Amino acid sequence: MDNINDIIDNLDDGITIRGDLIAECILYHGKNIENRKRKINKKYLALHIGSGKINKDINKSLLNNIEKINEKKLPKSHIVGIIKLGESKTIDELTDDEKKNKWIFEGNGYNVCNYITDVYILDTPIKCRGFQSVTWNLKCVDKDLIKKNKFELSLKQKIINQLLLKKI
């Protein structure tokens, strides 16, 4: 695990992905690229599964790259882990070797590969809403949930608490 202080200092945002299959591939099947239309310049992101449906072409591509789907479905509208990002490259910036990565999906305007270098799985997913922007600030969700009296701790603190317990 990375230095926990590094995660604490740099985990301020989340990313919402559509469908539990993408999250499953990231968490359990080695998907090391998050295909987007823009580069993501963040070090750590809370991985949130949105309630939307996955694009059929992406679904087919992912299913072709895994042997078996986990029987236990990951919950939608929950944060299920943390991803650590490395570099981001457009398709044009990739070397010929990098273009062979099975997780690259170029359709529908997805022309940026944001490399995932590490993954931390939360033992207990955290229910919360996400946003459809490329990334979103965890404090935005806090304001909504605190207003509704659903959280006593900030979302970031709830995520970090799980990492601290894992490290002990």
Protein backbone atom coordinates (compact mmCIF):
# COMPACT_ATOMS: atom_id res chain seq x y z
CA MET A 1 0.00 0.00 0.00
CA ASP A 2 1.16 3.54 -0.70
CA ASN A 3 1.98 5.79 2.20
CA ILE A 4 -1.39 6.37 3.87
CA ASN A 5 -0.54 10.06 4.33
CA ASP A 6 -0.07 10.40 0.57
CA ILE A 7 -3.57 9.02 0.02
CA ILE A 8 -5.03 11.26 2.73
CA ASP A 9 -3.34 14.34 1.26
CA ASN A 10 -4.33 13.60 -2.35
CA LEU A 11 -7.77 11.97 -2.20
CA ASP A 12 -10.18 14.84 -2.79
CA ASP A 13 -12.17 13.69 -5.80
CA GLY A 14 -14.24 10.83 -7.12
CA ILE A 15 -14.94 9.41 -10.54
CA THR A 16 -18.25 7.86 -11.51
CA ILE A 17 -18.26 4.95 -13.91
CA ARG A 18 -21.30 3.44 -15.53
CA GLY A 19 -22.13 -0.07 -14.57
CA ASP A 20 -20.64 -2.54 -12.17
CA LEU A 21 -18.80 -4.44 -14.93
CA ILE A 22 -16.27 -1.63 -15.44
CA ALA A 23 -15.65 -1.47 -11.67
CA GLU A 24 -15.30 -5.23 -11.50
CA CYS A 25 -12.73 -5.18 -14.29
CA ILE A 26 -10.75 -2.45 -12.49
CA LEU A 27 -10.94 -4.05 -9.05
CA TYR A 28 -10.58 -7.73 -9.90
CA HIS A 29 -9.44 -8.27 -13.50
CA GLY A 30 -6.50 -5.91 -13.92
CA LYS A 31 -8.14 -3.20 -16.03
CA ASN A 32 -5.37 -0.63 -15.92
CA ILE A 33 -6.80 2.03 -18.21
CA GLU A 34 -9.78 4.30 -17.70
CA ASN A 35 -10.84 5.46 -21.14
CA ARG A 36 -12.17 8.99 -21.19
CA LYS A 37 -12.55 11.94 -23.53
CA ARG A 38 -10.12 14.02 -21.42
CA LYS A 39 -6.95 13.57 -19.43
CA ILE A 40 -7.43 13.23 -15.68
CA ASN A 41 -4.80 15.07 -13.67
CA LYS A 42 -5.49 13.60 -10.23
CA LYS A 43 -3.37 11.21 -8.18
CA TYR A 44 -6.13 9.31 -6.33
CA LEU A 45 -9.84 9.04 -7.03
CA ALA A 46 -12.69 7.40 -5.15
CA LEU A 47 -14.19 4.84 -7.55
CA HIS A 48 -17.97 5.31 -7.67
CA ILE A 49 -20.40 3.10 -9.56
CA GLY A 50 -23.16 5.21 -11.04
CA SER A 51 -26.71 4.11 -11.62
CA GLY A 52 -26.53 4.48 -15.41
CA LYS A 53 -26.21 1.66 -17.90
CA ILE A 54 -23.00 0.80 -19.65
CA ASN A 55 -22.64 1.36 -23.40
CA LYS A 56 -23.25 -1.94 -25.30
CA ASP A 57 -19.96 -1.71 -27.21
CA ILE A 58 -17.96 -1.14 -24.02
CA ASN A 59 -19.82 -3.98 -22.30
CA LYS A 60 -18.95 -6.36 -25.15
CA SER A 61 -15.31 -5.25 -25.13
CA LEU A 62 -15.00 -5.82 -21.37
CA LEU A 63 -16.66 -9.23 -21.48
CA ASN A 64 -14.18 -10.30 -24.17
CA ASN A 65 -11.31 -9.50 -21.78
CA ILE A 66 -12.33 -11.48 -18.71
CA GLU A 67 -12.80 -15.17 -18.09
CA LYS A 68 -15.61 -15.06 -15.55
CA ILE A 69 -17.84 -12.43 -13.96
CA ASN A 70 -17.97 -12.41 -10.16
CA GLU A 71 -21.23 -13.86 -8.87
CA LYS A 72 -21.60 -11.09 -6.30
CA LYS A 73 -22.57 -7.87 -8.07
CA LEU A 74 -21.01 -4.61 -6.97
CA PRO A 75 -23.63 -2.13 -5.75
CA LYS A 76 -24.60 0.82 -7.92
CA SER A 77 -24.54 4.31 -6.38
CA HIS A 78 -21.68 3.30 -4.07
CA ILE A 79 -17.98 4.05 -3.74
CA VAL A 80 -16.28 0.67 -3.97
CA GLY A 81 -12.59 1.56 -3.96
CA ILE A 82 -9.81 4.02 -4.63
CA ILE A 83 -7.76 4.13 -7.80
CA LYS A 84 -4.31 5.63 -8.12
CA LEU A 85 -3.67 7.21 -11.49
CA GLY A 86 -0.41 7.44 -13.37
CA GLU A 87 0.07 9.20 -16.66
CA SER A 88 -2.63 10.06 -19.18
CA LYS A 89 -2.06 9.77 -22.91
CA THR A 90 -4.16 10.33 -25.98
CA ILE A 91 -4.40 7.43 -28.39
CA ASP A 92 -2.04 9.32 -30.72
CA GLU A 93 0.59 9.56 -27.96
CA LEU A 94 0.68 5.81 -27.32
CA THR A 95 3.56 3.69 -28.53
CA ASP A 96 2.79 0.70 -30.75
CA ASP A 97 3.38 -1.55 -27.75
CA GLU A 98 0.99 0.46 -25.56
CA LYS A 99 -1.71 0.28 -28.23
CA LYS A 100 -1.80 -3.50 -27.72
CA ASN A 101 -3.29 -3.09 -24.22
CA LYS A 102 -6.56 -5.05 -24.21
CA TRP A 103 -8.30 -2.45 -22.03
CA ILE A 104 -8.11 0.36 -24.57
CA PHE A 105 -11.51 1.32 -25.96
CA GLU A 106 -11.45 3.93 -28.71
CA GLY A 107 -15.12 4.15 -29.67
CA ASN A 108 -17.59 6.95 -28.91
CA GLY A 109 -14.92 9.66 -28.64
CA TYR A 110 -12.93 7.93 -25.89
CA ASN A 111 -9.50 8.98 -27.08
CA VAL A 112 -7.58 9.30 -23.79
CA CYS A 113 -6.05 6.48 -21.77
CA ASN A 114 -5.75 7.34 -18.08
CA TYR A 115 -3.45 4.72 -16.58
CA ILE A 116 -4.50 3.09 -13.30
CA THR A 117 -1.38 2.13 -11.35
CA ASP A 118 -2.92 0.85 -8.13
CA VAL A 119 -6.30 -0.14 -6.72
CA TYR A 120 -7.63 -0.25 -3.16
CA ILE A 121 -10.86 -2.16 -2.60
CA LEU A 122 -13.17 -1.02 0.19
CA ASP A 123 -14.43 -3.88 2.34
CA THR A 124 -17.73 -2.06 2.80
CA PRO A 125 -18.94 0.03 -0.16
CA ILE A 126 -20.15 3.50 0.79
CA LYS A 127 -23.55 4.55 -0.54
CA CYS A 128 -23.57 8.02 -2.03
CA ARG A 129 -24.44 9.88 -5.17
CA GLY A 130 -21.86 10.76 -7.75
CA PHE A 131 -21.74 13.23 -10.59
CA GLN A 132 -21.47 12.84 -14.35
CA SER A 133 -18.50 15.17 -14.76
CA VAL A 134 -15.09 13.62 -15.45
CA THR A 135 -14.21 13.94 -11.75
CA TRP A 136 -16.08 15.48 -8.83
CA ASN A 137 -15.06 16.79 -5.45
CA LEU A 138 -15.94 14.61 -2.46
CA LYS A 139 -17.00 17.71 -0.51
CA CYS A 140 -19.87 18.26 -2.98
CA VAL A 141 -21.36 14.96 -1.90
CA ASP A 142 -20.70 15.75 1.77
CA LYS A 143 -22.78 18.94 1.59
CA ASP A 144 -25.71 17.03 0.14
CA LEU A 145 -25.54 14.16 2.65
CA ILE A 146 -24.84 16.32 5.70
CA LYS A 147 -27.81 18.50 4.79
CA LYS A 148 -29.97 15.35 4.77
CA ASN A 149 -28.39 14.14 8.05
CA LYS A 150 -27.16 10.94 6.42
CA PHE A 151 -23.45 11.26 7.33
CA GLU A 152 -21.75 12.00 10.62
CA LEU A 153 -18.27 11.77 9.06
CA SER A 154 -17.12 13.28 5.79
CA LEU A 155 -17.05 10.97 2.79
CA LYS A 156 -13.26 11.24 2.62
CA GLN A 157 -12.98 10.28 6.30
CA LYS A 158 -15.23 7.25 5.80
CA ILE A 159 -13.01 6.05 2.92
CA ILE A 160 -9.77 6.71 4.80
CA ASN A 161 -11.08 4.91 7.92
CA GLN A 162 -11.44 1.72 5.87
CA LEU A 163 -7.88 2.04 4.57
CA LEU A 164 -6.52 2.63 8.07
CA LEU A 165 -8.30 -0.46 9.38
CA LYS A 166 -6.88 -2.52 6.50
CA LYS A 167 -3.36 -1.33 7.23
CA ILE A 168 -3.42 -2.33 10.93
